[in-house]
Amino acid sequence: MRCPICKKDVVEPAPFAPFCSDRCRLIDLGNWASGAYVVSTPLPSSESEKIEDDLDA
């Protein structure tokens, strides 16, 4: 397996798998937090309506 950030080999059982180190894990977390990663598929309308109904309750 390769680290998704730096592409180094990761040997199982690695403590930070699938990352090679805590540094790469934190870089990935920062990418999610900053909006660099997004989920490209919108929710189907029935699911988004259910979420909105749950938030209103």
PDB file of N, CA and C in Angstrom:
ATOM      1  N   MET A   1       0.851  -1.158   0.000  1.00  0.00           N
ATOM      2  CA  MET A   1       0.000   0.000   0.000  1.00  0.00           C
ATOM      3  C   MET A   1       0.906   1.233   0.000  1.00  0.00           C
ATOM      4  N   ARG A   2       0.448   2.309  -0.633  1.00  0.00           N
ATOM      5  CA  ARG A   2       1.210   3.562  -0.680  1.00  0.00           C
ATOM      6  C   ARG A   2       0.460   4.652   0.067  1.00  0.00           C
ATOM      7  N   CYS A   3       1.209   5.514   0.729  1.00  0.00           N
ATOM      8  CA  CYS A   3       0.648   6.656   1.436  1.00  0.00           C
ATOM      9  C   CYS A   3      -0.022   7.579   0.408  1.00  0.00           C
ATOM     10  N   PRO A   4      -1.277   7.990   0.627  1.00  0.00           N
ATOM     11  CA  PRO A   4      -1.954   8.838  -0.350  1.00  0.00           C
ATOM     12  C   PRO A   4      -1.384  10.256  -0.437  1.00  0.00           C
ATOM     13  N   ILE A   5      -0.583  10.669   0.527  1.00  0.00           N
ATOM     14  CA  ILE A   5      -0.017  12.017   0.524  1.00  0.00           C
ATOM     15  C   ILE A   5       1.366  12.036  -0.123  1.00  0.00           C
ATOM     16  N   CYS A   6       2.313  11.251   0.396  1.00  0.00           N
ATOM     17  CA  CYS A   6       3.700  11.311  -0.090  1.00  0.00           C
ATOM     18  C   CYS A   6       4.080  10.144  -0.999  1.00  0.00           C
ATOM     19  N   LYS A   7       3.213   9.166  -1.110  1.00  0.00           N
ATOM     20  CA  LYS A   7       3.405   7.991  -1.988  1.00  0.00           C
ATOM     21  C   LYS A   7       4.488   7.027  -1.523  1.00  0.00           C
ATOM     22  N   LYS A   8       4.944   7.139  -0.268  1.00  0.00           N
ATOM     23  CA  LYS A   8       5.892   6.156   0.268  1.00  0.00           C
ATOM     24  C   LYS A   8       5.154   4.856   0.546  1.00  0.00           C
ATOM     25  N   ASP A   9       5.906   3.752   0.537  1.00  0.00           N
ATOM     26  CA  ASP A   9       5.316   2.465   0.876  1.00  0.00           C
ATOM     27  C   ASP A   9       4.914   2.433   2.340  1.00  0.00           C
ATOM     28  N   VAL A  10       3.748   1.865   2.609  1.00  0.00           N
ATOM     29  CA  VAL A  10       3.251   1.694   3.981  1.00  0.00           C
ATOM     30  C   VAL A  10       3.147   0.203   4.219  1.00  0.00           C
ATOM     31  N   VAL A  11       3.831  -0.275   5.249  1.00  0.00           N
ATOM     32  CA  VAL A  11       3.838  -1.695   5.576  1.00  0.00           C
ATOM     33  C   VAL A  11       2.822  -1.939   6.682  1.00  0.00           C
ATOM     34  N   GLU A  12       1.929  -2.901   6.466  1.00  0.00           N
ATOM     35  CA  GLU A  12       0.945  -3.263   7.486  1.00  0.00           C
ATOM     36  C   GLU A  12       1.625  -4.033   8.604  1.00  0.00           C
ATOM     37  N   PRO A  13       1.282  -3.932   9.807  1.00  0.00           N
ATOM     38  CA  PRO A  13       0.319  -3.023  10.407  1.00  0.00           C
ATOM     39  C   PRO A  13       1.005  -1.721  10.800  1.00  0.00           C
ATOM     40  N   ALA A  14       0.789  -0.702  10.050  1.00  0.00           N
ATOM     41  CA  ALA A  14       1.369   0.615  10.334  1.00  0.00           C
ATOM     42  C   ALA A  14       0.454   1.366  11.307  1.00  0.00           C
ATOM     43  N   PRO A  15       1.028   2.077  12.270  1.00  0.00           N
ATOM     44  CA  PRO A  15       0.194   2.766  13.262  1.00  0.00           C
ATOM     45  C   PRO A  15      -0.651   3.896  12.672  1.00  0.00           C
ATOM     46  N   PHE A  16      -0.255   4.437  11.529  1.00  0.00           N
ATOM     47  CA  PHE A  16      -0.997   5.551  10.930  1.00  0.00           C
ATOM     48  C   PHE A  16      -1.653   5.160   9.608  1.00  0.00           C
ATOM     49  N   ALA A  17      -1.760   3.858   9.335  1.00  0.00           N
ATOM     50  CA  ALA A  17      -2.308   3.371   8.063  1.00  0.00           C
ATOM     51  C   ALA A  17      -3.640   4.041   7.778  1.00  0.00           C
ATOM     52  N   PRO A  18      -3.890   4.442   6.563  1.00  0.00           N
ATOM     53  CA  PRO A  18      -3.137   4.175   5.348  1.00  0.00           C
ATOM     54  C   PRO A  18      -2.004   5.163   5.093  1.00  0.00           C
ATOM     55  N   PHE A  19      -1.705   6.019   6.051  1.00  0.00           N
ATOM     56  CA  PHE A  19      -0.637   7.003   5.902  1.00  0.00           C
ATOM     57  C   PHE A  19       0.661   6.432   6.451  1.00  0.00           C
ATOM     58  N   CYS A  20       1.792   6.996   6.002  1.00  0.00           N
ATOM     59  CA  CYS A  20       3.090   6.502   6.458  1.00  0.00           C
ATOM     60  C   CYS A  20       3.503   7.137   7.782  1.00  0.00           C
ATOM     61  N   SER A  21       2.927   8.279   8.118  1.00  0.00           N
ATOM     62  CA  SER A  21       3.329   8.976   9.339  1.00  0.00           C
ATOM     63  C   SER A  21       2.194   9.861   9.842  1.00  0.00           C
ATOM     64  N   ASP A  22       2.361  10.347  11.054  1.00  0.00           N
ATOM     65  CA  ASP A  22       1.385  11.273  11.621  1.00  0.00           C
ATOM     66  C   ASP A  22       1.356  12.570  10.817  1.00  0.00           C
ATOM     67  N   ARG A  23       2.503  12.979  10.285  1.00  0.00           N
ATOM     68  CA  ARG A  23       2.580  14.201   9.474  1.00  0.00           C
ATOM     69  C   ARG A  23       1.658  14.104   8.260  1.00  0.00           C
ATOM     70  N   CYS A  24       1.734  12.991   7.526  1.00  0.00           N
ATOM     71  CA  CYS A  24       0.880  12.810   6.349  1.00  0.00           C
ATOM     72  C   CYS A  24      -0.590  12.710   6.747  1.00  0.00           C
ATOM     73  N   ARG A  25      -0.867  12.085   7.874  1.00  0.00           N
ATOM     74  CA  ARG A  25      -2.250  11.994   8.360  1.00  0.00           C
ATOM     75  C   ARG A  25      -2.803  13.384   8.641  1.00  0.00           C
ATOM     76  N   LEU A  26      -1.992  14.239   9.263  1.00  0.00           N
ATOM     77  CA  LEU A  26      -2.436  15.599   9.566  1.00  0.00           C
ATOM     78  C   LEU A  26      -2.577  16.458   8.310  1.00  0.00           C
ATOM     79  N   ILE A  27      -1.719  16.243   7.330  1.00  0.00           N
ATOM     80  CA  ILE A  27      -1.854  16.960   6.054  1.00  0.00           C
ATOM     81  C   ILE A  27      -3.191  16.600   5.410  1.00  0.00           C
ATOM     82  N   ASP A  28      -3.534  15.317   5.416  1.00  0.00           N
ATOM     83  CA  ASP A  28      -4.803  14.873   4.846  1.00  0.00           C
ATOM     84  C   ASP A  28      -5.984  15.474   5.606  1.00  0.00           C
ATOM     85  N   LEU A  29      -5.912  15.483   6.924  1.00  0.00           N
ATOM     86  CA  LEU A  29      -6.971  16.083   7.739  1.00  0.00           C
ATOM     87  C   LEU A  29      -7.119  17.569   7.420  1.00  0.00           C
ATOM     88  N   GLY A  30      -6.006  18.260   7.267  1.00  0.00           N
ATOM     89  CA  GLY A  30      -6.039  19.671   6.902  1.00  0.00           C
ATOM     90  C   GLY A  30      -6.653  19.904   5.538  1.00  0.00           C
ATOM     91  N   ASN A  31      -6.400  18.992   4.603  1.00  0.00           N
ATOM     92  CA  ASN A  31      -7.012  19.105   3.274  1.00  0.00           C
ATOM     93  C   ASN A  31      -8.526  18.994   3.359  1.00  0.00           C
ATOM     94  N   TRP A  32      -9.030  18.088   4.187  1.00  0.00           N
ATOM     95  CA  TRP A  32     -10.476  17.971   4.371  1.00  0.00           C
ATOM     96  C   TRP A  32     -11.031  19.227   5.041  1.00  0.00           C
ATOM     97  N   ALA A  33     -10.347  19.699   6.069  1.00  0.00           N
ATOM     98  CA  ALA A  33     -10.835  20.856   6.821  1.00  0.00           C
ATOM     99  C   ALA A  33     -10.839  22.133   5.989  1.00  0.00           C
ATOM    100  N   SER A  34      -9.894  22.261   5.070  1.00  0.00           N
ATOM    101  CA  SER A  34      -9.809  23.475   4.259  1.00  0.00           C
ATOM    102  C   SER A  34     -10.724  23.438   3.038  1.00  0.00           C
ATOM    103  N   GLY A  35     -11.328  22.294   2.769  1.00  0.00           N
ATOM    104  CA  GLY A  35     -12.207  22.174   1.614  1.00  0.00           C
ATOM    105  C   GLY A  35     -11.488  21.756   0.347  1.00  0.00           C
ATOM    106  N   ALA A  36     -10.225  21.340   0.459  1.00  0.00           N
ATOM    107  CA  ALA A  36      -9.481  20.884  -0.713  1.00  0.00           C
ATOM    108  C   ALA A  36     -10.086  19.592  -1.270  1.00  0.00           C
ATOM    109  N   TYR A  37     -10.691  18.781  -0.408  1.00  0.00           N
ATOM    110  CA  TYR A  37     -11.385  17.572  -0.822  1.00  0.00           C
ATOM    111  C   TYR A  37     -12.878  17.840  -0.709  1.00  0.00           C
ATOM    112  N   VAL A  38     -13.628  17.391  -1.688  1.00  0.00           N
ATOM    113  CA  VAL A  38     -15.083  17.520  -1.634  1.00  0.00           C
ATOM    114  C   VAL A  38     -15.712  16.230  -2.144  1.00  0.00           C
ATOM    115  N   VAL A  39     -16.917  15.972  -1.723  1.00  0.00           N
ATOM    116  CA  VAL A  39     -17.690  14.854  -2.231  1.00  0.00           C
ATOM    117  C   VAL A  39     -18.411  15.380  -3.459  1.00  0.00           C
ATOM    118  N   SER A  40     -18.135  14.793  -4.619  1.00  0.00           N
ATOM    119  CA  SER A  40     -18.601  15.362  -5.872  1.00  0.00           C
ATOM    120  C   SER A  40     -20.042  15.014  -6.237  1.00  0.00           C
ATOM    121  N   THR A  41     -20.599  13.984  -5.633  1.00  0.00           N
ATOM    122  CA  THR A  41     -21.945  13.578  -5.983  1.00  0.00           C
ATOM    123  C   THR A  41     -22.943  14.196  -5.005  1.00  0.00           C
ATOM    124  N   PRO A  42     -23.920  14.959  -5.509  1.00  0.00           N
ATOM    125  CA  PRO A  42     -24.916  15.527  -4.605  1.00  0.00           C
ATOM    126  C   PRO A  42     -25.824  14.442  -4.033  1.00  0.00           C
ATOM    127  N   LEU A  43     -26.387  14.712  -2.883  1.00  0.00           N
ATOM    128  CA  LEU A  43     -27.335  13.784  -2.283  1.00  0.00           C
ATOM    129  C   LEU A  43     -28.587  13.704  -3.135  1.00  0.00           C
ATOM    130  N   PRO A  44     -29.191  12.525  -3.233  1.00  0.00           N
ATOM    131  CA  PRO A  44     -30.494  12.447  -3.903  1.00  0.00           C
ATOM    132  C   PRO A  44     -31.499  13.318  -3.143  1.00  0.00           C
ATOM    133  N   SER A  45     -32.485  13.849  -3.826  1.00  0.00           N
ATOM    134  CA  SER A  45     -33.405  14.798  -3.215  1.00  0.00           C
ATOM    135  C   SER A  45     -34.108  14.217  -1.992  1.00  0.00           C
ATOM    136  N   SER A  46     -34.443  12.938  -1.989  1.00  0.00           N
ATOM    137  CA  SER A  46     -35.133  12.353  -0.840  1.00  0.00           C
ATOM    138  C   SER A  46     -34.238  12.353   0.395  1.00  0.00           C
ATOM    139  N   GLU A  47     -32.945  12.090   0.218  1.00  0.00           N
ATOM    140  CA  GLU A  47     -32.029  12.095   1.355  1.00  0.00           C
ATOM    141  C   GLU A  47     -31.804  13.508   1.874  1.00  0.00           C
ATOM    142  N   SER A  48     -31.648  14.481   0.985  1.00  0.00           N
ATOM    143  CA  SER A  48     -31.414  15.851   1.430  1.00  0.00           C
ATOM    144  C   SER A  48     -32.648  16.405   2.138  1.00  0.00           C
ATOM    145  N   GLU A  49     -33.853  16.033   1.682  1.00  0.00           N
ATOM    146  CA  GLU A  49     -35.078  16.461   2.359  1.00  0.00           C
ATOM    147  C   GLU A  49     -35.154  15.856   3.745  1.00  0.00           C
ATOM    148  N   LYS A  50     -34.752  14.584   3.896  1.00  0.00           N
ATOM    149  CA  LYS A  50     -34.775  13.927   5.207  1.00  0.00           C
ATOM    150  C   LYS A  50     -33.811  14.624   6.158  1.00  0.00           C
ATOM    151  N   ILE A  51     -32.633  14.985   5.678  1.00  0.00           N
ATOM    152  CA  ILE A  51     -31.648  15.676   6.518  1.00  0.00           C
ATOM    153  C   ILE A  51     -32.201  17.027   6.951  1.00  0.00           C
ATOM    154  N   GLU A  52     -32.822  17.759   6.022  1.00  0.00           N
ATOM    155  CA  GLU A  52     -33.403  19.052   6.364  1.00  0.00           C
ATOM    156  C   GLU A  52     -34.517  18.890   7.398  1.00  0.00           C
ATOM    157  N   ASP A  53     -35.357  17.850   7.252  1.00  0.00           N
ATOM    158  CA  ASP A  53     -36.431  17.605   8.211  1.00  0.00           C
ATOM    159  C   ASP A  53     -35.852  17.276   9.583  1.00  0.00           C
ATOM    160  N   ASP A  54     -34.771  16.484   9.627  1.00  0.00           N
ATOM    161  CA  ASP A  54     -34.132  16.153  10.893  1.00  0.00           C
ATOM    162  C   ASP A  54     -33.552  17.392  11.570  1.00  0.00           C
ATOM    163  N   LEU A  55     -33.007  18.311  10.792  1.00  0.00           N
ATOM    164  CA  LEU A  55     -32.427  19.529  11.351  1.00  0.00           C
ATOM    165  C   LEU A  55     -33.509  20.458  11.885  1.00  0.00           C
ATOM    166  N   ASP A  56     -34.656  20.476  11.237  1.00  0.00           N
ATOM    167  CA  ASP A  56     -35.754  21.336  11.681  1.00  0.00           C
ATOM    168  C   ASP A  56     -36.419  20.820  12.946  1.00  0.00           C
ATOM    169  N   ALA A  57     -36.325  19.514  13.192  1.00  0.00           N
ATOM    170  CA  ALA A  57     -37.003  18.913  14.355  1.00  0.00           C
ATOM    171  C   ALA A  57     -36.372  19.299  15.655  1.00  0.00           C
TER     172      ALA A  57
END
